[in-house]
Amino acid sequence: MKRILLSTAFVASAATATYAGSADMAVVEPVIAQPVTVAPAQIGGNWTGGYGGLSLGKAWVEDDNFDDSEMVYGVHGGYDYDFGSFVLGGELDYQTGEDLNLGAEDVDDVVRLKMRAGYDLDRTLVYGVVGAAQLNTDNFDDTGWVAGLGAEYLVTDNVSLGAEYLYHQFDDFDDTGNDIDADTFSLRANFRF
């Protein structure tokens, strides 16, 4: 009897070992990795948003008989939209300073409404300007056109420094028969928000 029990135990343990190392292995399903979507890197800096700032520069004014140059200072504000590598915006600015003298008339200030269009070079914006300008003197005022070039550099995400050259032309200023040309070159500081 002991022999039968021992033989049965031996056969049972051999059968268990055979099933453990069986050739029928469990099929492992392959894991398919999902592709990683990478957002495209923005080309250039981010110039989208409003801004306001101050300017300091020099103005040269000339009419048919006189010319003068003086320091000017002003304030400006606007909004830019960055399309990737192209930036489009608008700006309103005001400049005044020591009175520019055109004979009997002193030039008091100039107000400009400008459109800006430029190229985004990362933290640098190079742009062109076109728009309207109103020149105010002691007794007269008239609207002409303005065009120019400028550049800005983002010192931080909210502060930019730049320079801007503008050419102004006022034909037959306030029906006086006098043509006035003006140039300004200004250094500018902007807070962007």
N, C-alpha and C. Protein backbone atom coordinates (compact mmCIF):
# COMPACT_ATOMS: atom_id res chain seq x y z
N MET A 1 0.82 -1.17 0.00
CA MET A 1 0.00 0.00 0.00
C MET A 1 0.87 1.25 0.00
N LYS A 2 1.91 1.20 0.76
CA LYS A 2 2.80 2.34 0.77
C LYS A 2 3.40 2.52 -0.60
N ARG A 3 3.65 1.42 -1.23
CA ARG A 3 4.23 1.51 -2.53
C ARG A 3 3.27 2.15 -3.52
N ILE A 4 2.02 1.87 -3.47
CA ILE A 4 1.03 2.41 -4.37
C ILE A 4 0.89 3.93 -4.11
N LEU A 5 0.83 4.31 -2.87
CA LEU A 5 0.70 5.72 -2.54
C LEU A 5 1.92 6.49 -3.00
N LEU A 6 3.08 5.90 -2.81
CA LEU A 6 4.31 6.57 -3.23
C LEU A 6 4.37 6.68 -4.75
N SER A 7 3.95 5.67 -5.45
CA SER A 7 3.96 5.70 -6.90
C SER A 7 2.96 6.74 -7.40
N THR A 8 1.82 6.81 -6.76
CA THR A 8 0.81 7.78 -7.17
C THR A 8 1.30 9.20 -6.93
N ALA A 9 1.95 9.44 -5.81
CA ALA A 9 2.48 10.77 -5.50
C ALA A 9 3.57 11.16 -6.49
N PHE A 10 4.40 10.18 -6.86
CA PHE A 10 5.46 10.46 -7.81
C PHE A 10 4.90 10.84 -9.17
N VAL A 11 3.91 10.08 -9.65
CA VAL A 11 3.29 10.35 -10.95
C VAL A 11 2.60 11.72 -10.93
N ALA A 12 1.94 12.04 -9.83
CA ALA A 12 1.23 13.32 -9.73
C ALA A 12 2.21 14.50 -9.75
N SER A 13 3.33 14.34 -9.05
CA SER A 13 4.30 15.44 -9.04
C SER A 13 4.97 15.58 -10.40
N ALA A 14 5.20 14.52 -11.11
CA ALA A 14 5.79 14.60 -12.44
C ALA A 14 4.82 15.25 -13.41
N ALA A 15 3.55 14.98 -13.29
CA ALA A 15 2.56 15.58 -14.17
C ALA A 15 2.45 17.09 -13.93
N THR A 16 2.55 17.48 -12.66
CA THR A 16 2.48 18.90 -12.34
C THR A 16 3.68 19.64 -12.94
N ALA A 17 4.85 19.07 -12.87
CA ALA A 17 6.05 19.69 -13.44
C ALA A 17 5.93 19.80 -14.94
N THR A 18 5.29 18.82 -15.57
CA THR A 18 5.14 18.85 -17.02
C THR A 18 4.23 19.99 -17.44
N TYR A 19 3.13 20.19 -16.71
CA TYR A 19 2.22 21.29 -17.06
C TYR A 19 2.84 22.67 -16.81
N ALA A 20 3.69 22.79 -15.82
CA ALA A 20 4.31 24.08 -15.51
C ALA A 20 5.23 24.52 -16.63
N GLY A 21 5.92 23.63 -17.28
CA GLY A 21 6.83 23.97 -18.36
C GLY A 21 6.23 23.67 -19.70
N SER A 22 4.96 23.72 -19.83
CA SER A 22 4.25 23.34 -21.03
C SER A 22 4.65 24.23 -22.20
N ALA A 23 4.54 23.71 -23.40
CA ALA A 23 4.87 24.44 -24.62
C ALA A 23 3.78 25.45 -24.97
N ASP A 24 2.59 25.33 -24.39
CA ASP A 24 1.51 26.27 -24.65
C ASP A 24 1.66 27.47 -23.71
N MET A 25 2.47 28.43 -24.15
CA MET A 25 2.70 29.62 -23.31
C MET A 25 1.59 30.63 -23.57
N ALA A 26 1.29 31.44 -22.59
CA ALA A 26 0.27 32.47 -22.72
C ALA A 26 0.73 33.52 -23.74
N VAL A 27 -0.16 33.94 -24.59
CA VAL A 27 0.14 34.94 -25.61
C VAL A 27 0.12 36.33 -24.96
N VAL A 28 1.22 37.07 -25.16
CA VAL A 28 1.33 38.42 -24.63
C VAL A 28 0.97 39.40 -25.74
N GLU A 29 -0.03 40.27 -25.47
CA GLU A 29 -0.45 41.26 -26.45
C GLU A 29 0.60 42.37 -26.51
N PRO A 30 1.01 42.80 -27.73
CA PRO A 30 1.99 43.89 -27.82
C PRO A 30 1.34 45.22 -27.38
N VAL A 31 2.14 46.04 -26.72
CA VAL A 31 1.68 47.37 -26.31
C VAL A 31 2.07 48.36 -27.40
N ILE A 32 1.06 49.03 -27.95
CA ILE A 32 1.31 50.00 -29.02
C ILE A 32 1.34 51.38 -28.38
N ALA A 33 2.48 52.04 -28.52
CA ALA A 33 2.64 53.38 -27.93
C ALA A 33 1.91 54.40 -28.78
N GLN A 34 1.21 55.32 -28.12
CA GLN A 34 0.52 56.40 -28.82
C GLN A 34 1.55 57.45 -29.23
N PRO A 35 1.43 58.00 -30.44
CA PRO A 35 2.39 59.03 -30.86
C PRO A 35 2.26 60.28 -29.97
N VAL A 36 3.37 60.90 -29.69
CA VAL A 36 3.40 62.12 -28.88
C VAL A 36 3.24 63.31 -29.81
N THR A 37 2.27 64.16 -29.50
CA THR A 37 2.05 65.36 -30.29
C THR A 37 2.86 66.49 -29.69
N VAL A 38 3.72 67.08 -30.51
CA VAL A 38 4.56 68.19 -30.05
C VAL A 38 4.01 69.47 -30.67
N ALA A 39 3.73 70.46 -29.81
CA ALA A 39 3.23 71.74 -30.32
C ALA A 39 4.35 72.43 -31.09
N PRO A 40 4.02 73.02 -32.23
CA PRO A 40 5.07 73.71 -32.99
C PRO A 40 5.63 74.89 -32.20
N ALA A 41 6.91 75.06 -32.28
CA ALA A 41 7.55 76.19 -31.59
C ALA A 41 7.18 77.47 -32.30
N GLN A 42 6.87 78.50 -31.50
CA GLN A 42 6.53 79.79 -32.09
C GLN A 42 7.78 80.42 -32.66
N ILE A 43 7.65 80.92 -33.88
CA ILE A 43 8.76 81.61 -34.51
C ILE A 43 8.73 83.05 -34.03
N GLY A 44 9.79 83.49 -33.41
CA GLY A 44 9.87 84.88 -32.95
C GLY A 44 9.29 85.10 -31.57
N GLY A 45 9.36 86.34 -31.12
CA GLY A 45 8.81 86.72 -29.83
C GLY A 45 7.32 86.91 -29.93
N ASN A 46 6.68 87.18 -28.80
CA ASN A 46 5.25 87.40 -28.80
C ASN A 46 4.98 88.90 -28.69
N TRP A 47 4.55 89.52 -29.77
CA TRP A 47 4.29 90.96 -29.81
C TRP A 47 2.82 91.28 -29.72
N THR A 48 1.95 90.28 -29.54
CA THR A 48 0.51 90.53 -29.46
C THR A 48 0.16 91.20 -28.14
N GLY A 49 -0.62 92.29 -28.23
CA GLY A 49 -1.12 92.96 -27.03
C GLY A 49 -1.00 94.46 -27.12
N GLY A 50 -1.53 95.11 -26.10
CA GLY A 50 -1.47 96.55 -26.03
C GLY A 50 -0.17 97.04 -25.42
N TYR A 51 0.13 98.30 -25.62
CA TYR A 51 1.34 98.89 -25.05
C TYR A 51 1.14 100.38 -24.89
N GLY A 52 1.91 100.97 -24.02
CA GLY A 52 1.94 102.41 -23.82
C GLY A 52 3.36 102.81 -23.49
N GLY A 53 3.74 104.05 -23.82
CA GLY A 53 5.12 104.41 -23.55
C GLY A 53 5.40 105.88 -23.69
N LEU A 54 6.69 106.19 -23.58
CA LEU A 54 7.21 107.55 -23.64
C LEU A 54 8.25 107.65 -24.75
N SER A 55 8.41 108.87 -25.30
CA SER A 55 9.42 109.08 -26.33
C SER A 55 10.20 110.36 -26.03
N LEU A 56 11.45 110.36 -26.48
CA LEU A 56 12.33 111.52 -26.36
C LEU A 56 13.15 111.59 -27.63
N GLY A 57 13.19 112.77 -28.26
CA GLY A 57 13.93 112.84 -29.51
C GLY A 57 14.16 114.25 -29.99
N LYS A 58 14.35 114.35 -31.28
CA LYS A 58 14.65 115.64 -31.92
C LYS A 58 13.74 115.78 -33.13
N ALA A 59 13.26 117.03 -33.35
CA ALA A 59 12.42 117.32 -34.51
C ALA A 59 13.07 118.42 -35.33
N TRP A 60 12.94 118.30 -36.65
CA TRP A 60 13.40 119.31 -37.61
C TRP A 60 12.18 119.72 -38.43
N VAL A 61 11.87 121.00 -38.45
CA VAL A 61 10.72 121.51 -39.19
C VAL A 61 11.21 122.55 -40.19
N GLU A 62 10.64 122.50 -41.39
CA GLU A 62 11.07 123.42 -42.46
C GLU A 62 9.85 123.82 -43.28
N ASP A 63 9.73 125.10 -43.57
CA ASP A 63 8.70 125.56 -44.51
C ASP A 63 9.39 126.29 -45.65
N ASP A 64 8.64 127.04 -46.43
CA ASP A 64 9.21 127.71 -47.61
C ASP A 64 10.27 128.75 -47.26
N ASN A 65 10.20 129.32 -46.04
CA ASN A 65 11.10 130.42 -45.69
C ASN A 65 12.00 130.16 -44.48
N PHE A 66 11.60 129.28 -43.57
CA PHE A 66 12.32 129.10 -42.31
C PHE A 66 12.53 127.62 -42.01
N ASP A 67 13.50 127.35 -41.13
CA ASP A 67 13.66 126.00 -40.61
C ASP A 67 14.18 126.10 -39.18
N ASP A 68 13.88 125.06 -38.37
CA ASP A 68 14.27 125.05 -36.96
C ASP A 68 14.34 123.60 -36.50
N SER A 69 15.07 123.36 -35.42
CA SER A 69 15.12 122.03 -34.82
C SER A 69 15.17 122.18 -33.30
N GLU A 70 14.50 121.30 -32.61
CA GLU A 70 14.43 121.33 -31.14
C GLU A 70 14.20 119.91 -30.61
N MET A 71 14.39 119.77 -29.30
CA MET A 71 14.10 118.50 -28.62
C MET A 71 12.58 118.34 -28.49
N VAL A 72 12.10 117.10 -28.57
CA VAL A 72 10.67 116.80 -28.39
C VAL A 72 10.52 115.61 -27.45
N TYR A 73 9.37 115.53 -26.82
CA TYR A 73 9.06 114.40 -25.95
C TYR A 73 7.57 114.12 -26.09
N GLY A 74 7.15 112.91 -25.75
CA GLY A 74 5.75 112.59 -25.93
C GLY A 74 5.33 111.29 -25.29
N VAL A 75 4.06 110.97 -25.52
CA VAL A 75 3.45 109.72 -25.05
C VAL A 75 2.80 109.04 -26.24
N HIS A 76 2.67 107.73 -26.16
CA HIS A 76 2.03 106.97 -27.23
C HIS A 76 1.42 105.70 -26.67
N GLY A 77 0.49 105.15 -27.40
CA GLY A 77 -0.14 103.89 -27.04
C GLY A 77 -0.68 103.21 -28.27
N GLY A 78 -0.75 101.89 -28.21
CA GLY A 78 -1.24 101.17 -29.38
C GLY A 78 -1.48 99.71 -29.09
N TYR A 79 -1.74 98.96 -30.15
CA TYR A 79 -2.00 97.52 -30.05
C TYR A 79 -1.37 96.85 -31.26
N ASP A 80 -0.65 95.74 -31.01
CA ASP A 80 -0.05 94.94 -32.07
C ASP A 80 -0.65 93.54 -32.06
N TYR A 81 -0.71 92.91 -33.23
CA TYR A 81 -1.10 91.51 -33.33
C TYR A 81 -0.01 90.76 -34.09
N ASP A 82 0.51 89.71 -33.46
CA ASP A 82 1.61 88.92 -34.01
C ASP A 82 1.04 87.72 -34.75
N PHE A 83 1.24 87.66 -36.06
CA PHE A 83 0.75 86.55 -36.89
C PHE A 83 1.79 85.44 -37.03
N GLY A 84 2.86 85.45 -36.29
CA GLY A 84 3.93 84.47 -36.40
C GLY A 84 5.22 85.17 -36.74
N SER A 85 5.41 85.47 -38.00
CA SER A 85 6.60 86.23 -38.39
C SER A 85 6.23 87.64 -38.84
N PHE A 86 4.93 87.93 -38.95
CA PHE A 86 4.44 89.24 -39.38
C PHE A 86 3.64 89.87 -38.25
N VAL A 87 3.88 91.16 -37.99
CA VAL A 87 3.18 91.89 -36.93
C VAL A 87 2.47 93.08 -37.54
N LEU A 88 1.20 93.27 -37.16
CA LEU A 88 0.40 94.38 -37.66
C LEU A 88 -0.23 95.09 -36.46
N GLY A 89 -0.23 96.42 -36.47
CA GLY A 89 -0.80 97.15 -35.34
C GLY A 89 -1.12 98.59 -35.67
N GLY A 90 -1.67 99.26 -34.67
CA GLY A 90 -2.00 100.68 -34.80
C GLY A 90 -1.53 101.43 -33.58
N GLU A 91 -1.29 102.74 -33.75
CA GLU A 91 -0.76 103.53 -32.64
C GLU A 91 -1.25 104.97 -32.74
N LEU A 92 -1.50 105.58 -31.59
CA LEU A 92 -1.81 106.99 -31.46
C LEU A 92 -0.70 107.61 -30.62
N ASP A 93 -0.10 108.70 -31.11
CA ASP A 93 0.95 109.33 -30.29
C ASP A 93 0.85 110.85 -30.34
N TYR A 94 1.42 111.44 -29.32
CA TYR A 94 1.42 112.89 -29.14
C TYR A 94 2.84 113.31 -28.77
N GLN A 95 3.37 114.33 -29.47
CA GLN A 95 4.70 114.86 -29.15
C GLN A 95 4.64 116.38 -29.07
N THR A 96 5.37 116.91 -28.10
CA THR A 96 5.52 118.34 -27.93
C THR A 96 6.95 118.59 -27.46
N GLY A 97 7.27 119.81 -27.13
CA GLY A 97 8.61 120.11 -26.64
C GLY A 97 8.85 121.59 -26.66
N GLU A 98 10.11 121.96 -26.76
CA GLU A 98 10.42 123.37 -26.91
C GLU A 98 9.85 123.81 -28.25
N ASP A 99 9.27 125.00 -28.28
CA ASP A 99 8.58 125.44 -29.50
C ASP A 99 9.54 125.53 -30.67
N LEU A 100 9.15 124.88 -31.74
CA LEU A 100 9.84 125.01 -33.02
C LEU A 100 9.35 126.29 -33.67
N ASN A 101 10.25 127.08 -34.20
CA ASN A 101 9.90 128.39 -34.73
C ASN A 101 9.90 128.36 -36.25
N LEU A 102 8.77 128.74 -36.84
CA LEU A 102 8.65 128.91 -38.29
C LEU A 102 8.27 130.36 -38.56
N GLY A 103 9.22 131.25 -38.43
CA GLY A 103 8.96 132.68 -38.62
C GLY A 103 8.11 133.21 -37.48
N ALA A 104 6.92 133.68 -37.81
CA ALA A 104 6.02 134.24 -36.80
C ALA A 104 5.22 133.17 -36.08
N GLU A 105 5.31 131.93 -36.52
CA GLU A 105 4.53 130.84 -35.93
C GLU A 105 5.42 129.90 -35.12
N ASP A 106 4.93 129.52 -33.94
CA ASP A 106 5.59 128.49 -33.13
C ASP A 106 4.81 127.19 -33.28
N VAL A 107 5.52 126.10 -33.59
CA VAL A 107 4.89 124.78 -33.67
C VAL A 107 4.73 124.29 -32.24
N ASP A 108 3.48 124.02 -31.84
CA ASP A 108 3.21 123.59 -30.47
C ASP A 108 3.35 122.09 -30.28
N ASP A 109 2.69 121.30 -31.13
CA ASP A 109 2.71 119.84 -30.97
C ASP A 109 2.26 119.16 -32.24
N VAL A 110 2.38 117.85 -32.24
CA VAL A 110 1.92 117.03 -33.36
C VAL A 110 1.24 115.79 -32.77
N VAL A 111 0.11 115.42 -33.38
CA VAL A 111 -0.64 114.22 -32.99
C VAL A 111 -0.66 113.32 -34.22
N ARG A 112 -0.36 112.02 -34.01
CA ARG A 112 -0.28 111.09 -35.14
C ARG A 112 -1.16 109.86 -34.89
N LEU A 113 -1.79 109.39 -35.94
CA LEU A 113 -2.49 108.12 -35.95
C LEU A 113 -1.79 107.28 -37.00
N LYS A 114 -1.13 106.18 -36.55
CA LYS A 114 -0.25 105.42 -37.45
C LYS A 114 -0.64 103.95 -37.50
N MET A 115 -0.41 103.34 -38.64
CA MET A 115 -0.49 101.90 -38.79
C MET A 115 0.95 101.38 -38.85
N ARG A 116 1.21 100.31 -38.08
CA ARG A 116 2.54 99.70 -38.06
C ARG A 116 2.45 98.30 -38.66
N ALA A 117 3.42 97.97 -39.49
CA ALA A 117 3.51 96.62 -40.04
C ALA A 117 4.99 96.24 -40.04
N GLY A 118 5.29 95.06 -39.50
CA GLY A 118 6.70 94.71 -39.39
C GLY A 118 6.97 93.24 -39.35
N TYR A 119 8.25 92.93 -39.17
CA TYR A 119 8.75 91.55 -39.17
C TYR A 119 9.25 91.20 -37.77
N ASP A 120 8.79 90.05 -37.28
CA ASP A 120 9.15 89.54 -35.96
C ASP A 120 10.46 88.78 -36.06
N LEU A 121 11.52 89.32 -35.48
CA LEU A 121 12.84 88.67 -35.45
C LEU A 121 13.13 88.19 -34.03
N ASP A 122 12.22 87.41 -33.46
CA ASP A 122 12.29 86.90 -32.09
C ASP A 122 12.06 88.05 -31.12
N ARG A 123 13.05 88.53 -30.43
CA ARG A 123 12.86 89.61 -29.45
C ARG A 123 13.01 90.99 -30.07
N THR A 124 13.23 91.05 -31.39
CA THR A 124 13.35 92.32 -32.11
C THR A 124 12.22 92.44 -33.13
N LEU A 125 11.61 93.62 -33.19
CA LEU A 125 10.58 93.92 -34.17
C LEU A 125 11.07 95.07 -35.04
N VAL A 126 11.13 94.85 -36.35
CA VAL A 126 11.49 95.88 -37.31
C VAL A 126 10.22 96.21 -38.09
N TYR A 127 9.86 97.49 -38.17
CA TYR A 127 8.56 97.84 -38.74
C TYR A 127 8.61 99.12 -39.56
N GLY A 128 7.58 99.27 -40.39
CA GLY A 128 7.34 100.49 -41.13
C GLY A 128 6.06 101.13 -40.64
N VAL A 129 5.94 102.44 -40.86
CA VAL A 129 4.81 103.22 -40.35
C VAL A 129 4.23 104.04 -41.48
N VAL A 130 2.91 104.16 -41.51
CA VAL A 130 2.22 105.08 -42.41
C VAL A 130 0.96 105.56 -41.69
N GLY A 131 0.61 106.84 -41.90
CA GLY A 131 -0.58 107.34 -41.23
C GLY A 131 -0.81 108.82 -41.46
N ALA A 132 -1.61 109.39 -40.55
CA ALA A 132 -1.97 110.80 -40.61
C ALA A 132 -1.37 111.53 -39.42
N ALA A 133 -1.03 112.82 -39.63
CA ALA A 133 -0.46 113.64 -38.56
C ALA A 133 -1.13 115.00 -38.57
N GLN A 134 -1.42 115.52 -37.37
CA GLN A 134 -1.97 116.86 -37.25
C GLN A 134 -0.92 117.74 -36.58
N LEU A 135 -0.53 118.82 -37.27
CA LEU A 135 0.45 119.77 -36.76
C LEU A 135 -0.29 121.00 -36.25
N ASN A 136 0.01 121.39 -35.01
CA ASN A 136 -0.65 122.53 -34.38
C ASN A 136 0.37 123.63 -34.11
N THR A 137 0.05 124.86 -34.56
CA THR A 137 0.87 126.04 -34.27
C THR A 137 0.05 127.00 -33.42
N ASP A 138 0.61 128.17 -33.13
CA ASP A 138 -0.11 129.16 -32.33
C ASP A 138 -1.46 129.53 -32.93
N ASN A 139 -1.52 129.70 -34.24
CA ASN A 139 -2.73 130.21 -34.88
C ASN A 139 -3.35 129.25 -35.91
N PHE A 140 -2.64 128.21 -36.30
CA PHE A 140 -3.12 127.33 -37.36
C PHE A 140 -2.95 125.87 -36.96
N ASP A 141 -3.70 125.01 -37.63
CA ASP A 141 -3.49 123.56 -37.53
C ASP A 141 -3.95 122.92 -38.82
N ASP A 142 -3.30 121.81 -39.17
CA ASP A 142 -3.66 121.13 -40.40
C ASP A 142 -3.21 119.68 -40.30
N THR A 143 -3.81 118.84 -41.15
CA THR A 143 -3.50 117.41 -41.17
C THR A 143 -2.74 117.09 -42.43
N GLY A 144 -1.70 116.30 -42.27
CA GLY A 144 -0.89 115.83 -43.39
C GLY A 144 -0.66 114.34 -43.26
N TRP A 145 0.35 113.84 -43.93
CA TRP A 145 0.65 112.42 -43.84
C TRP A 145 2.02 112.21 -43.20
N VAL A 146 2.22 111.00 -42.68
CA VAL A 146 3.46 110.64 -42.00
C VAL A 146 3.84 109.22 -42.44
N ALA A 147 5.14 108.97 -42.57
CA ALA A 147 5.66 107.64 -42.89
C ALA A 147 7.03 107.51 -42.23
N GLY A 148 7.43 106.28 -41.94
CA GLY A 148 8.73 106.11 -41.31
C GLY A 148 9.09 104.66 -41.05
N LEU A 149 10.18 104.50 -40.31
CA LEU A 149 10.73 103.19 -39.96
C LEU A 149 11.05 103.17 -38.48
N GLY A 150 11.00 101.97 -37.89
CA GLY A 150 11.35 101.84 -36.48
C GLY A 150 11.78 100.43 -36.15
N ALA A 151 12.29 100.28 -34.93
CA ALA A 151 12.69 98.97 -34.41
C ALA A 151 12.50 98.98 -32.90
N GLU A 152 12.11 97.82 -32.37
CA GLU A 152 11.95 97.65 -30.93
C GLU A 152 12.62 96.36 -30.51
N TYR A 153 13.10 96.35 -29.26
CA TYR A 153 13.72 95.16 -28.69
C TYR A 153 13.05 94.86 -27.36
N LEU A 154 12.60 93.60 -27.16
CA LEU A 154 12.00 93.19 -25.89
C LEU A 154 13.10 92.95 -24.87
N VAL A 155 13.24 93.88 -23.92
CA VAL A 155 14.21 93.73 -22.84
C VAL A 155 13.72 92.66 -21.87
N THR A 156 12.43 92.71 -21.52
CA THR A 156 11.73 91.67 -20.77
C THR A 156 10.46 91.37 -21.54
N ASP A 157 9.62 90.47 -21.01
CA ASP A 157 8.36 90.18 -21.70
C ASP A 157 7.42 91.37 -21.72
N ASN A 158 7.61 92.35 -20.81
CA ASN A 158 6.71 93.49 -20.70
C ASN A 158 7.34 94.84 -21.03
N VAL A 159 8.64 94.90 -21.24
CA VAL A 159 9.31 96.18 -21.49
C VAL A 159 10.09 96.08 -22.80
N SER A 160 9.87 97.08 -23.68
CA SER A 160 10.63 97.13 -24.93
C SER A 160 11.22 98.52 -25.09
N LEU A 161 12.39 98.56 -25.71
CA LEU A 161 13.07 99.81 -26.03
C LEU A 161 13.24 99.88 -27.54
N GLY A 162 13.18 101.10 -28.09
CA GLY A 162 13.31 101.20 -29.53
C GLY A 162 13.63 102.60 -30.00
N ALA A 163 13.65 102.73 -31.32
CA ALA A 163 13.91 104.00 -31.98
C ALA A 163 13.01 104.08 -33.20
N GLU A 164 12.63 105.33 -33.55
CA GLU A 164 11.71 105.51 -34.68
C GLU A 164 12.04 106.81 -35.41
N TYR A 165 12.12 106.72 -36.74
CA TYR A 165 12.29 107.89 -37.60
C TYR A 165 10.98 108.11 -38.36
N LEU A 166 10.49 109.36 -38.36
CA LEU A 166 9.25 109.69 -39.07
C LEU A 166 9.46 110.92 -39.97
N TYR A 167 8.87 110.86 -41.16
CA TYR A 167 8.86 111.99 -42.09
C TYR A 167 7.41 112.46 -42.21
N HIS A 168 7.17 113.78 -42.08
CA HIS A 168 5.84 114.37 -42.15
C HIS A 168 5.80 115.36 -43.31
N GLN A 169 4.63 115.45 -43.96
CA GLN A 169 4.47 116.46 -45.01
C GLN A 169 3.07 117.08 -44.88
N PHE A 170 3.06 118.43 -44.90
CA PHE A 170 1.82 119.20 -44.81
C PHE A 170 1.82 120.19 -45.99
N ASP A 171 1.09 119.84 -47.05
CA ASP A 171 1.03 120.70 -48.24
C ASP A 171 -0.03 121.77 -48.03
N ASP A 172 0.29 123.02 -48.45
CA ASP A 172 -0.63 124.16 -48.32
C ASP A 172 -1.22 124.20 -46.91
N PHE A 173 -0.33 124.32 -45.93
CA PHE A 173 -0.68 124.22 -44.51
C PHE A 173 -1.80 125.21 -44.17
N ASP A 174 -2.95 124.66 -43.76
CA ASP A 174 -4.14 125.42 -43.34
C ASP A 174 -4.48 126.54 -44.33
N ASP A 175 -4.37 126.21 -45.63
CA ASP A 175 -4.69 127.16 -46.72
C ASP A 175 -3.86 128.44 -46.67
N THR A 176 -2.64 128.35 -46.16
CA THR A 176 -1.76 129.52 -46.11
C THR A 176 -0.86 129.60 -47.34
N GLY A 177 -0.86 128.53 -48.17
CA GLY A 177 0.04 128.48 -49.30
C GLY A 177 1.44 128.05 -48.91
N ASN A 178 1.64 127.72 -47.66
CA ASN A 178 2.95 127.34 -47.12
C ASN A 178 3.04 125.82 -47.00
N ASP A 179 4.09 125.23 -47.57
CA ASP A 179 4.32 123.79 -47.45
C ASP A 179 5.30 123.54 -46.31
N ILE A 180 4.95 122.60 -45.42
CA ILE A 180 5.80 122.30 -44.26
C ILE A 180 6.22 120.84 -44.32
N ASP A 181 7.52 120.61 -44.12
CA ASP A 181 8.08 119.26 -43.98
C ASP A 181 8.66 119.16 -42.58
N ALA A 182 8.56 117.98 -41.98
CA ALA A 182 9.12 117.78 -40.64
C ALA A 182 9.69 116.37 -40.55
N ASP A 183 10.79 116.25 -39.83
CA ASP A 183 11.41 114.96 -39.53
C ASP A 183 11.53 114.85 -38.02
N THR A 184 11.29 113.65 -37.50
CA THR A 184 11.54 113.39 -36.08
C THR A 184 12.32 112.09 -35.95
N PHE A 185 13.22 112.07 -35.00
CA PHE A 185 13.91 110.84 -34.61
C PHE A 185 13.75 110.71 -33.10
N SER A 186 13.16 109.61 -32.65
CA SER A 186 12.84 109.46 -31.22
C SER A 186 13.31 108.13 -30.68
N LEU A 187 13.80 108.17 -29.45
CA LEU A 187 14.04 106.96 -28.66
C LEU A 187 12.78 106.69 -27.88
N ARG A 188 12.39 105.40 -27.79
CA ARG A 188 11.09 105.07 -27.19
C ARG A 188 11.24 103.96 -26.15
N ALA A 189 10.44 104.06 -25.10
CA ALA A 189 10.35 103.01 -24.08
C ALA A 189 8.87 102.63 -23.94
N ASN A 190 8.58 101.34 -23.98
CA ASN A 190 7.19 100.86 -23.94
C ASN A 190 6.98 99.86 -22.81
N PHE A 191 5.82 99.94 -22.20
CA PHE A 191 5.37 98.89 -21.30
C PHE A 191 4.29 98.12 -22.03
N ARG A 192 4.49 96.82 -22.19
CA ARG A 192 3.56 95.98 -22.95
C ARG A 192 2.71 95.17 -21.98
N PHE A 193 1.41 95.10 -22.27
CA PHE A 193 0.50 94.35 -21.40
C PHE A 193 -0.44 93.50 -22.21
